C-alpha atoms as a PDB file:
ATOM      1  CA  MET A   1      60.997  99.397 114.772  1.00  0.00           C
ATOM      2  CA  ASN A   2      59.725 102.845 113.639  1.00  0.00           C
ATOM      3  CA  ASP A   3      62.731 103.740 112.277  1.00  0.00           C
ATOM      4  CA  TYR A   4      62.991 100.780 109.812  1.00  0.00           C
ATOM      5  CA  TYR A   5      59.211 101.329 108.643  1.00  0.00           C
ATOM      6  CA  GLU A   6      60.040 104.937 108.301  1.00  0.00           C
ATOM      7  CA  ARG A   7      63.056 104.394 105.806  1.00  0.00           C
ATOM      8  CA  LEU A   8      61.130 101.760 104.056  1.00  0.00           C
ATOM      9  CA  THR A   9      58.050 103.758 103.647  1.00  0.00           C
ATOM     10  CA  ASN A  10      60.054 106.907 102.224  1.00  0.00           C
ATOM     11  CA  ARG A  11      61.716 104.357  99.882  1.00  0.00           C
ATOM     12  CA  LEU A  12      58.560 102.898  98.781  1.00  0.00           C
ATOM     13  CA  LEU A  13      57.263 106.451  97.892  1.00  0.00           C
ATOM     14  CA  GLU A  14      60.299 107.392  96.005  1.00  0.00           C
ATOM     15  CA  ARG A  15      59.456 104.438  93.845  1.00  0.00           C
ATOM     16  CA  ASN A  16      55.681 104.804  93.688  1.00  0.00           C
ATOM     17  CA  GLU A  17      54.358 108.207  93.457  1.00  0.00           C
ATOM     18  CA  GLN A  18      50.714 106.795  93.215  1.00  0.00           C
ATOM     19  CA  MET A  19      50.532 105.865  96.895  1.00  0.00           C
ATOM     20  CA  SER A  20      49.735 108.090  99.843  1.00  0.00           C
ATOM     21  CA  TYR A  21      52.059 107.971 102.818  1.00  0.00           C
ATOM     22  CA  ARG A  22      49.299 105.973 104.457  1.00  0.00           C
ATOM     23  CA  GLU A  23      48.979 103.458 101.813  1.00  0.00           C
ATOM     24  CA  ALA A  24      52.792 102.907 101.609  1.00  0.00           C
ATOM     25  CA  ARG A  25      53.106 102.564 105.401  1.00  0.00           C
ATOM     26  CA  THR A  26      50.593 100.050 105.529  1.00  0.00           C
ATOM     27  CA  TRP A  27      52.196  98.011 102.662  1.00  0.00           C
ATOM     28  CA  ILE A  28      55.668  98.240 104.604  1.00  0.00           C
ATOM     29  CA  GLU A  29      54.146  96.932 107.799  1.00  0.00           C
ATOM     30  CA  LEU A  30      52.127  94.184 106.019  1.00  0.00           C
ATOM     31  CA  LEU A  31      55.501  92.963 104.021  1.00  0.00           C
ATOM     32  CA  TRP A  32      57.250  93.117 106.998  1.00  0.00           C
ATOM     33  CA  GLU A  33      55.146  90.853 108.951  1.00  0.00           C
ATOM     34  CA  ASP A  34      54.542  88.708 106.086  1.00  0.00           C
ATOM     35  CA  PHE A  35      58.208  87.984 105.467  1.00  0.00           C
ATOM     36  CA  GLU A  36      58.994  87.597 109.141  1.00  0.00           C
ATOM     37  CA  SER A  37      56.098  85.043 109.667  1.00  0.00           C
ATOM     38  CA  THR A  38      57.057  83.294 106.486  1.00  0.00           C
ATOM     39  CA  TYR A  39      60.612  82.930 107.335  1.00  0.00           C
ATOM     40  CA  ALA A  40      60.079  81.592 110.861  1.00  0.00           C
ATOM     41  CA  SER A  41      57.289  79.109 109.281  1.00  0.00           C
ATOM     42  CA  ALA A  42      59.935  77.629 107.126  1.00  0.00           C
ATOM     43  CA  GLY A  43      62.104  76.776 110.260  1.00  0.00           C
ATOM     44  CA  ARG A  44      64.696  79.426 109.404  1.00  0.00           C
ATOM     45  CA  GLU A  45      66.904  81.079 111.911  1.00  0.00           C
ATOM     46  CA  TYR A  46      65.767  84.654 112.694  1.00  0.00           C
ATOM     47  CA  ARG A  47      68.406  86.990 111.367  1.00  0.00           C
ATOM     48  CA  GLY A  48      67.443  90.208 112.715  1.00  0.00           C
ATOM     49  CA  LYS A  49      65.717  93.375 111.479  1.00  0.00           C
ATOM     50  CA  GLU A  50      68.505  94.498 109.327  1.00  0.00           C
ATOM     51  CA  MET A  51      68.123  91.240 107.114  1.00  0.00           C
ATOM     52  CA  THR A  52      64.363  92.001 106.940  1.00  0.00           C
ATOM     53  CA  GLU A  53      64.895  95.580 105.825  1.00  0.00           C
ATOM     54  CA  MET A  54      67.339  94.142 103.086  1.00  0.00           C
ATOM     55  CA  VAL A  55      64.890  91.926 101.647  1.00  0.00           C
ATOM     56  CA  LEU A  56      62.149  94.558 101.850  1.00  0.00           C
ATOM     57  CA  LEU A  57      64.420  97.082 100.186  1.00  0.00           C
ATOM     58  CA  GLN A  58      64.959  94.696  97.122  1.00  0.00           C
ATOM     59  CA  TRP A  59      61.194  94.131  96.981  1.00  0.00           C
ATOM     60  CA  ILE A  60      60.740  97.922  96.675  1.00  0.00           C
ATOM     61  CA  LYS A  61      63.360  98.186  94.092  1.00  0.00           C
ATOM     62  CA  GLN A  62      61.940  95.611  91.971  1.00  0.00           C
ATOM     63  CA  TYR A  63      58.235  95.707  92.855  1.00  0.00           C
ATOM     64  CA  GLY A  64      57.509  99.137  94.299  1.00  0.00           C
ATOM     65  CA  SER A  65      56.531 101.083  91.193  1.00  0.00           C
ATOM     66  CA  ARG A  66      53.767  98.851  90.707  1.00  0.00           C
ATOM     67  CA  LEU A  67      52.788  97.443  94.159  1.00  0.00           C
ATOM     68  CA  HIS A  68      49.666  99.078  94.153  1.00  0.00           C
ATOM     69  CA  ASP A  69      48.514  96.937  90.861  1.00  0.00           C
ATOM     70  CA  VAL A  70      50.218  93.683  91.766  1.00  0.00           C
ATOM     71  CA  MET A  71      49.240  93.111  95.483  1.00  0.00           C
ATOM     72  CA  ILE A  72      45.925  94.726  95.592  1.00  0.00           C
ATOM     73  CA  GLU A  73      44.489  91.574  94.042  1.00  0.00           C
ATOM     74  CA  ASN A  74      45.468  89.376  96.842  1.00  0.00           C
ATOM     75  CA  PRO A  75      42.410  89.147  99.139  1.00  0.00           C
ATOM     76  CA  LYS A  76      45.056  88.607 101.987  1.00  0.00           C
ATOM     77  CA  TYR A  77      46.094  92.443 101.485  1.00  0.00           C
ATOM     78  CA  ARG A  78      42.916  93.854  99.982  1.00  0.00           C
ATOM     79  CA  GLU A  79      41.285  93.816 103.300  1.00  0.00           C
ATOM     80  CA  HIS A  80      43.652  96.320 104.943  1.00  0.00           C
ATOM     81  CA  PHE A  81      42.755  98.918 102.488  1.00  0.00           C
ATOM     82  CA  LYS A  82      38.877  98.759 102.228  1.00  0.00           C
ATOM     83  CA  GLY A  83      37.489 102.027 102.511  1.00  0.00           C
ATOM     84  CA  LYS A  84      40.772 103.606 101.551  1.00  0.00           C
ATOM     85  CA  GLU A  85      41.292 104.491  97.890  1.00  0.00           C
ATOM     86  CA  ILE A  86      44.194 103.112  96.032  1.00  0.00           C
ATOM     87  CA  LEU A  87      45.342 105.617  93.287  1.00  0.00           C
ATOM     88  CA  HIS A  88      46.440 104.199  90.140  1.00  0.00           C
END
């Protein structure tokens, strides 16, 4: 699992130079958990870590450069960054 997180974190850092490694890793872990739980609660069959990685790579491609701006406004995620400076 750590390999997936590491690859995705590095990809996010390539797309968003304003994030620290710690912030990017936190985003990846949150998005991974959120996607898998939402997918499962929708009654869909689990298709494995490779599919989750593929979806997150697409999200990073589309939203990675501004992820810190868009998602920090969501209270669901904001609490994970309290006390940590999000760079803009």
